[in-house]
Amino acid sequence: MESEPRWLDDAEQETWMALAGLLMRLPGALDAQLQRDAGLTHFEYLVISGLSMVPGRTMRMSELAAVAEGSLPRLSQVVSRLEKRGWVRRSPDPDDGRYTLAILTDEGWDKVVATAPGHVAAVRHFVFDPLTKGQQRQLGEIGRRIMRAVAPDDQCPPPRKATS
């Protein structure tokens, strides 16, 4: 016989619904701004901006997938599109040929530079402006705690213990 689920109380349910709404609406709002202003998806922007922030504007594809919070197959498809636009190129890793490097081109850098101001304005508008400095710090800590709880190797909650 299984134990009774730990149902959410009213306050937890209200918090969960607010978070679920945020998780559904914020990505769409950010994606819409980037599509409208730069012709990019949010994921594409995460890829090129991630490359723009590392020395040499170069990163192993596997590391870039982690930075962009995407799978390697999804990243590979996106990088193919970005290569066709001339913003990214791929090259074997000279240190270890088993890996492939993603390299932000000069044209890709220019795209990040042109796109970043509008994206930062959207992030400020949707995330930071509605919050006090204290709430912003709390949100950062809350986000880090939840991210630790949903680490890639722990996608599902532990199984419920059966009771006798």
Protein backbone atom coordinates (compact mmCIF):
# COMPACT_ATOMS: atom_id res chain seq x y z
CA MET A 1 0.00 0.00 0.00
CA GLU A 2 1.37 3.40 -0.99
CA SER A 3 1.48 6.34 1.36
CA GLU A 4 -0.84 9.28 0.72
CA PRO A 5 0.68 11.95 -1.58
CA ARG A 6 1.90 15.14 0.08
CA TRP A 7 -0.78 17.38 -1.45
CA LEU A 8 -0.10 21.10 -1.77
CA ASP A 9 -1.82 23.30 0.75
CA ASP A 10 -3.62 26.46 -0.45
CA ALA A 11 -0.55 28.71 -0.13
CA GLU A 12 1.68 26.17 -1.89
CA GLN A 13 -0.90 25.75 -4.65
CA GLU A 14 -1.05 29.53 -5.16
CA THR A 15 2.77 29.73 -5.28
CA TRP A 16 2.96 26.80 -7.70
CA MET A 17 0.39 28.36 -10.04
CA ALA A 18 2.30 31.66 -10.04
CA LEU A 19 5.55 29.84 -10.86
CA ALA A 20 3.90 27.67 -13.51
CA GLY A 21 2.45 30.78 -15.14
CA LEU A 22 5.87 32.42 -15.09
CA LEU A 23 7.48 29.33 -16.62
CA MET A 24 4.92 29.40 -19.44
CA ARG A 25 4.77 33.15 -20.16
CA LEU A 26 8.31 34.48 -19.67
CA PRO A 27 10.02 32.30 -22.31
CA GLY A 28 7.34 33.24 -24.83
CA ALA A 29 7.69 36.94 -24.07
CA LEU A 30 11.48 36.81 -24.42
CA ASP A 31 11.22 34.74 -27.59
CA ALA A 32 8.70 37.17 -29.10
CA GLN A 33 10.98 40.17 -28.42
CA LEU A 34 13.98 38.44 -29.98
CA GLN A 35 11.99 37.23 -33.00
CA ARG A 36 10.50 40.68 -33.57
CA ASP A 37 13.68 42.70 -33.08
CA ALA A 38 16.43 40.34 -34.25
CA GLY A 39 14.92 37.38 -36.11
CA LEU A 40 16.32 34.98 -33.49
CA THR A 41 14.80 32.45 -31.16
CA HIS A 42 15.69 32.72 -27.49
CA PHE A 43 17.71 29.50 -27.76
CA GLU A 44 19.66 30.84 -30.76
CA TYR A 45 20.43 33.98 -28.79
CA LEU A 46 21.58 31.94 -25.77
CA VAL A 47 23.98 30.10 -28.07
CA ILE A 48 25.56 33.14 -29.72
CA SER A 49 25.60 35.22 -26.53
CA GLY A 50 27.15 32.29 -24.64
CA LEU A 51 29.93 32.13 -27.23
CA SER A 52 30.39 35.90 -27.06
CA MET A 53 31.25 35.73 -23.36
CA VAL A 54 34.14 33.24 -23.48
CA PRO A 55 37.77 33.82 -24.43
CA GLY A 56 38.29 33.40 -28.15
CA ARG A 57 34.51 33.22 -28.61
CA THR A 58 35.03 29.45 -28.81
CA MET A 59 33.55 26.57 -26.82
CA ARG A 60 33.16 22.83 -27.14
CA MET A 61 29.69 21.93 -28.38
CA SER A 62 29.06 19.78 -25.30
CA GLU A 63 29.89 22.70 -22.99
CA LEU A 64 27.81 25.10 -25.07
CA ALA A 65 24.83 22.75 -24.82
CA ALA A 66 25.10 22.95 -21.02
CA VAL A 67 25.44 26.75 -21.07
CA ALA A 68 22.37 27.09 -23.30
CA GLU A 69 20.43 24.49 -21.26
CA GLY A 70 19.81 22.34 -24.33
CA SER A 71 20.59 18.86 -25.57
CA LEU A 72 23.53 18.25 -27.89
CA PRO A 73 21.23 17.18 -30.78
CA ARG A 74 19.14 20.36 -30.40
CA LEU A 75 22.29 22.48 -30.23
CA SER A 76 23.67 20.80 -33.34
CA GLN A 77 20.52 21.67 -35.30
CA VAL A 78 20.62 25.29 -34.10
CA VAL A 79 24.33 25.66 -34.83
CA SER A 80 23.66 24.38 -38.36
CA ARG A 81 21.14 27.22 -38.83
CA LEU A 82 23.55 29.74 -37.32
CA GLU A 83 26.33 28.49 -39.63
CA LYS A 84 24.09 29.10 -42.67
CA ARG A 85 23.66 32.69 -41.48
CA GLY A 86 27.43 33.05 -41.11
CA TRP A 87 27.30 33.67 -37.34
CA VAL A 88 28.93 30.46 -36.09
CA ARG A 89 31.37 27.95 -37.53
CA ARG A 90 32.42 24.53 -36.32
CA SER A 91 35.90 23.08 -36.16
CA PRO A 92 37.48 19.96 -34.69
CA ASP A 93 39.05 20.61 -31.28
CA PRO A 94 42.85 20.65 -31.90
CA ASP A 95 43.43 19.46 -28.31
CA ASP A 96 41.12 16.47 -28.65
CA GLY A 97 39.67 15.54 -32.03
CA ARG A 98 36.77 13.71 -30.39
CA TYR A 99 35.23 17.12 -29.67
CA THR A 100 33.87 19.81 -31.96
CA LEU A 101 34.31 23.50 -31.25
CA ALA A 102 31.67 26.13 -31.94
CA ILE A 103 33.22 29.47 -32.86
CA LEU A 104 31.37 32.79 -33.01
CA THR A 105 32.33 34.59 -36.22
CA ASP A 106 32.85 38.34 -36.53
CA GLU A 107 29.38 38.53 -38.13
CA GLY A 108 27.99 36.57 -35.18
CA TRP A 109 29.67 38.97 -32.76
CA ASP A 110 28.08 41.89 -34.63
CA LYS A 111 24.68 40.17 -34.32
CA VAL A 112 25.11 39.74 -30.55
CA VAL A 113 26.20 43.38 -30.17
CA ALA A 114 23.17 44.57 -32.17
CA THR A 115 20.72 42.25 -30.36
CA ALA A 116 21.88 42.54 -26.75
CA PRO A 117 20.46 46.01 -25.92
CA GLY A 118 16.89 45.05 -26.83
CA HIS A 119 17.15 41.72 -25.06
CA VAL A 120 18.55 43.30 -21.90
CA ALA A 121 15.74 45.87 -21.98
CA ALA A 122 13.18 43.05 -22.20
CA VAL A 123 14.81 41.12 -19.34
CA ARG A 124 14.84 44.29 -17.21
CA HIS A 125 11.19 45.01 -18.05
CA PHE A 126 9.91 41.49 -17.37
CA VAL A 127 12.15 40.36 -14.50
CA PHE A 128 14.06 43.10 -12.69
CA ASP A 129 11.92 46.25 -12.85
CA PRO A 130 8.91 44.69 -11.05
CA LEU A 131 11.13 43.57 -8.13
CA THR A 132 12.98 45.32 -5.33
CA LYS A 133 16.74 44.70 -4.97
CA GLY A 134 15.97 42.35 -2.08
CA GLN A 135 13.44 40.41 -4.14
CA GLN A 136 15.97 40.16 -6.97
CA ARG A 137 18.51 38.59 -4.59
CA GLN A 138 15.82 36.22 -3.27
CA LEU A 139 14.84 35.26 -6.80
CA GLY A 140 18.46 34.42 -7.60
CA GLU A 141 18.75 32.21 -4.52
CA ILE A 142 15.40 30.57 -5.18
CA GLY A 143 16.40 29.88 -8.79
CA ARG A 144 19.72 28.33 -7.73
CA ARG A 145 18.00 26.10 -5.16
CA ILE A 146 15.41 24.87 -7.64
CA MET A 147 18.09 24.30 -10.29
CA ARG A 148 20.04 22.14 -7.83
CA ALA A 149 16.87 20.13 -7.16
CA VAL A 150 16.32 19.51 -10.88
CA ALA A 151 19.91 18.69 -11.79
CA PRO A 152 20.12 16.76 -15.09
CA ASP A 153 20.66 13.42 -13.33
CA ASP A 154 17.64 13.96 -11.07
CA GLN A 155 14.74 14.76 -13.42
CA CYS A 156 12.15 12.83 -11.44
CA PRO A 157 11.32 12.96 -7.76
CA PRO A 158 12.40 9.99 -5.67
CA PRO A 159 9.90 7.13 -5.65
CA ARG A 160 7.36 7.15 -2.87
CA LYS A 161 7.97 4.51 -0.27
CA ALA A 162 5.35 1.84 0.01
CA THR A 163 3.92 1.33 3.45
CA SER A 164 2.98 -2.03 4.84
